[in-house]
Amino acid sequence: MWAANVSPRLVESAGTLSALGGHCRSHGRRVRGGDGGFGVEGKMTGITVQCARLRAQFGRHIVAASIIVGAASMSACASSGVGTRAAQYDSSPSSVVIENNSWDRVTVYISRGDQMWRLGDVGALGKTEFPIQRLGFIADGRSTYLVAHPLAGQSFRSEQFMFPSGGVAVWTIENQSGLSHVSVR
């Protein structure tokens, strides 16, 4: 038998695939009996079982290591994004001031792209300041606009403006919505 050629110390100390040398690589051929005198069809020898166990153990270690590396890299990426966002959040005390010179109560939203954040309500002939950090909106210099939904009447929006970090946008709403305007300080 071919197992007679393997030293007993090698068989007993087979803790890794390299400990078995070339014997693990060709165990499939010997188990099938395809080379003539090295085994019987379907017969599994002790070294074959040991090779299969070692390969399974090695595969589990590789999978576990790749999961750990993947989780560590994902958490590192996520934490750096959160830290950057938190730093921007703290460094930009941005707000929106609404001067409502109309006779309608309005609900005001700030929008960027297809997202809208509700700022709040402003009564007729009222003035209100809304801090925007609490909304998760970060003033980063991208194009922004404001939307007003009057209690009675049609909704309308401001012209687009650039909202710088730490800036204050003042939207003056007039009775005729076409006369409303935004200024950024």
Protein backbone atom coordinates (compact mmCIF):
# COMPACT_ATOMS: atom_id res chain seq x y z
CA MET A 1 0.00 0.00 0.00
CA TRP A 2 1.10 3.59 -0.58
CA ALA A 3 0.50 4.54 3.10
CA ALA A 4 3.48 2.35 4.00
CA ASN A 5 5.71 4.91 2.27
CA VAL A 6 4.54 7.68 4.66
CA SER A 7 6.44 7.94 7.93
CA PRO A 8 4.34 7.45 11.11
CA ARG A 9 5.67 10.76 12.51
CA LEU A 10 4.36 12.56 9.43
CA VAL A 11 0.93 10.98 9.75
CA GLU A 12 0.68 11.75 13.49
CA SER A 13 1.92 15.35 13.25
CA ALA A 14 -0.12 16.29 10.21
CA GLY A 15 -1.45 19.62 11.52
CA THR A 16 -1.23 21.48 8.23
CA LEU A 17 -1.46 20.67 4.56
CA SER A 18 2.28 21.18 4.14
CA ALA A 19 3.00 18.48 6.75
CA LEU A 20 1.63 15.87 4.39
CA GLY A 21 3.67 17.15 1.47
CA GLY A 22 2.70 15.65 -1.86
CA HIS A 23 0.51 12.93 -0.36
CA CYS A 24 -2.54 15.20 0.07
CA ARG A 25 -2.36 16.51 -3.45
CA SER A 26 -2.81 13.12 -5.08
CA HIS A 27 -5.13 11.42 -2.62
CA GLY A 28 -8.13 11.64 -4.98
CA ARG A 29 -6.40 9.58 -7.64
CA ARG A 30 -5.39 6.92 -5.12
CA VAL A 31 -8.87 6.70 -3.60
CA ARG A 32 -10.46 6.15 -6.99
CA GLY A 33 -7.97 3.43 -7.80
CA GLY A 34 -7.19 4.99 -11.14
CA ASP A 35 -3.45 4.23 -11.19
CA GLY A 36 -3.46 0.50 -10.85
CA GLY A 37 -2.21 -0.76 -7.52
CA PHE A 38 -2.92 2.08 -5.08
CA GLY A 39 -6.30 1.39 -3.58
CA VAL A 40 -9.68 -0.02 -4.18
CA GLU A 41 -12.61 1.87 -5.66
CA GLY A 42 -14.36 3.87 -2.90
CA LYS A 43 -11.95 2.83 -0.13
CA MET A 44 -10.79 5.74 2.04
CA THR A 45 -7.49 5.37 3.77
CA GLY A 46 -6.48 7.09 7.01
CA ILE A 47 -4.30 9.62 5.21
CA THR A 48 -7.14 10.50 2.80
CA VAL A 49 -9.52 11.28 5.66
CA GLN A 50 -6.81 13.29 7.36
CA CYS A 51 -6.19 15.26 4.16
CA ALA A 52 -9.88 16.01 3.79
CA ARG A 53 -10.07 17.23 7.39
CA LEU A 54 -7.02 19.42 6.96
CA ARG A 55 -8.38 20.94 3.75
CA ALA A 56 -11.72 21.65 5.44
CA GLN A 57 -9.98 23.19 8.45
CA PHE A 58 -7.74 25.28 6.20
CA GLY A 59 -10.79 26.45 4.22
CA ARG A 60 -12.61 27.46 7.42
CA HIS A 61 -9.58 29.45 8.56
CA ILE A 62 -9.39 31.26 5.22
CA VAL A 63 -13.11 32.11 5.31
CA ALA A 64 -12.89 33.33 8.92
CA ALA A 65 -9.84 35.46 8.14
CA SER A 66 -11.51 37.03 5.10
CA ILE A 67 -14.65 37.83 7.11
CA ILE A 68 -12.57 39.49 9.83
CA VAL A 69 -10.56 41.53 7.32
CA GLY A 70 -13.74 42.55 5.48
CA ALA A 71 -15.52 43.59 8.67
CA ALA A 72 -12.51 45.56 9.85
CA SER A 73 -12.18 47.41 6.55
CA MET A 74 -15.90 48.19 6.40
CA SER A 75 -15.93 49.51 9.95
CA ALA A 76 -12.86 51.64 9.23
CA CYS A 77 -14.53 53.17 6.18
CA ALA A 78 -17.78 53.77 8.01
CA SER A 79 -16.12 55.37 11.03
CA SER A 80 -14.08 57.78 8.92
CA GLY A 81 -17.24 58.94 7.11
CA VAL A 82 -19.08 59.49 10.38
CA GLY A 83 -16.16 61.42 11.85
CA THR A 84 -15.94 63.68 8.83
CA ARG A 85 -19.67 64.27 8.86
CA ALA A 86 -19.66 65.02 12.60
CA ALA A 87 -16.81 67.50 12.16
CA GLN A 88 -18.77 69.29 9.44
CA TYR A 89 -21.86 69.23 11.63
CA ASP A 90 -20.02 70.91 14.51
CA SER A 91 -18.18 73.45 12.37
CA SER A 92 -21.20 74.75 10.45
CA PRO A 93 -23.68 76.58 12.66
CA SER A 94 -25.87 77.21 9.64
CA SER A 95 -29.44 78.39 9.81
CA VAL A 96 -32.32 79.59 7.67
CA VAL A 97 -34.26 82.72 8.55
CA ILE A 98 -37.76 83.08 7.13
CA GLU A 99 -39.26 86.57 6.96
CA ASN A 100 -42.88 85.98 6.07
CA ASN A 101 -44.33 89.28 4.83
CA SER A 102 -47.40 87.54 3.43
CA TRP A 103 -50.82 87.13 5.02
CA ASP A 104 -50.60 83.32 4.88
CA ARG A 105 -49.10 80.92 7.37
CA VAL A 106 -46.48 78.78 5.57
CA THR A 107 -44.68 75.50 6.18
CA VAL A 108 -41.10 75.78 4.94
CA TYR A 109 -38.82 73.04 3.62
CA ILE A 110 -35.18 73.10 2.56
CA SER A 111 -34.30 70.97 -0.45
CA ARG A 112 -31.26 69.71 -2.29
CA GLY A 113 -31.73 67.49 -5.30
CA ASP A 114 -34.73 65.26 -4.67
CA GLN A 115 -34.56 65.37 -0.85
CA MET A 116 -36.60 67.74 1.30
CA TRP A 117 -36.23 68.51 5.01
CA ARG A 118 -39.07 70.21 6.91
CA LEU A 119 -37.91 73.31 8.74
CA GLY A 120 -41.21 74.29 10.35
CA ASP A 121 -44.12 76.74 10.27
CA VAL A 122 -43.99 80.53 10.10
CA GLY A 123 -47.05 82.58 10.95
CA ALA A 124 -48.39 85.43 8.82
CA LEU A 125 -46.21 88.56 9.03
CA GLY A 126 -43.75 86.60 11.23
CA LYS A 127 -40.02 85.97 11.30
CA THR A 128 -38.44 82.68 12.44
CA GLU A 129 -34.92 81.26 12.45
CA PHE A 130 -34.41 77.52 11.94
CA PRO A 131 -31.08 75.80 12.71
CA ILE A 132 -30.49 73.15 10.08
CA GLN A 133 -27.94 70.88 11.83
CA ARG A 134 -30.69 69.06 13.74
CA LEU A 135 -32.13 67.89 10.42
CA GLY A 136 -28.98 66.16 9.21
CA PHE A 137 -28.68 68.76 6.45
CA ILE A 138 -25.08 69.91 6.04
CA ALA A 139 -24.34 73.23 4.40
CA ASP A 140 -21.53 72.30 2.05
CA GLY A 141 -21.76 74.82 -0.78
CA ARG A 142 -23.98 72.75 -3.05
CA SER A 143 -27.02 74.15 -4.81
CA THR A 144 -30.03 74.42 -2.48
CA TYR A 145 -33.53 75.90 -2.59
CA LEU A 146 -36.41 76.51 -0.19
CA VAL A 147 -40.04 75.46 -0.63
CA ALA A 148 -43.08 77.10 1.00
CA HIS A 149 -46.47 75.43 1.40
CA PRO A 150 -49.01 78.09 2.37
CA LEU A 151 -51.98 77.09 4.48
CA ALA A 152 -54.17 78.34 1.63
CA GLY A 153 -52.92 78.58 -1.94
CA GLN A 154 -50.24 77.14 -4.21
CA SER A 155 -46.82 75.95 -3.08
CA PHE A 156 -43.83 77.83 -4.44
CA ARG A 157 -40.06 77.65 -4.22
CA SER A 158 -37.15 80.04 -3.97
CA GLU A 159 -34.46 80.48 -6.55
CA GLN A 160 -31.49 78.13 -6.21
CA PHE A 161 -28.60 79.37 -4.11
CA MET A 162 -25.27 78.11 -2.82
CA PHE A 163 -25.40 77.40 0.92
CA PRO A 164 -21.89 77.79 2.37
CA SER A 165 -20.79 76.13 5.59
CA GLY A 166 -21.56 78.43 8.52
CA GLY A 167 -23.79 80.62 6.36
CA VAL A 168 -27.24 82.02 7.06
CA ALA A 169 -29.86 82.07 4.32
CA VAL A 170 -32.65 84.64 4.67
CA TRP A 171 -35.78 84.04 2.61
CA THR A 172 -38.12 86.98 2.43
CA ILE A 173 -41.59 85.77 1.42
CA GLU A 174 -43.91 88.39 -0.08
CA ASN A 175 -47.66 88.29 -0.79
CA GLN A 176 -46.86 87.86 -4.45
CA SER A 177 -44.59 84.81 -4.53
CA GLY A 178 -42.69 86.11 -7.58
CA LEU A 179 -41.33 88.96 -5.44
CA SER A 180 -39.92 86.63 -2.77
CA HIS A 181 -36.11 86.41 -2.64
CA VAL A 182 -33.22 84.72 -0.84
CA SER A 183 -30.06 86.35 0.45
CA VAL A 184 -27.11 84.43 1.92
CA ARG A 185 -24.84 85.93 4.57
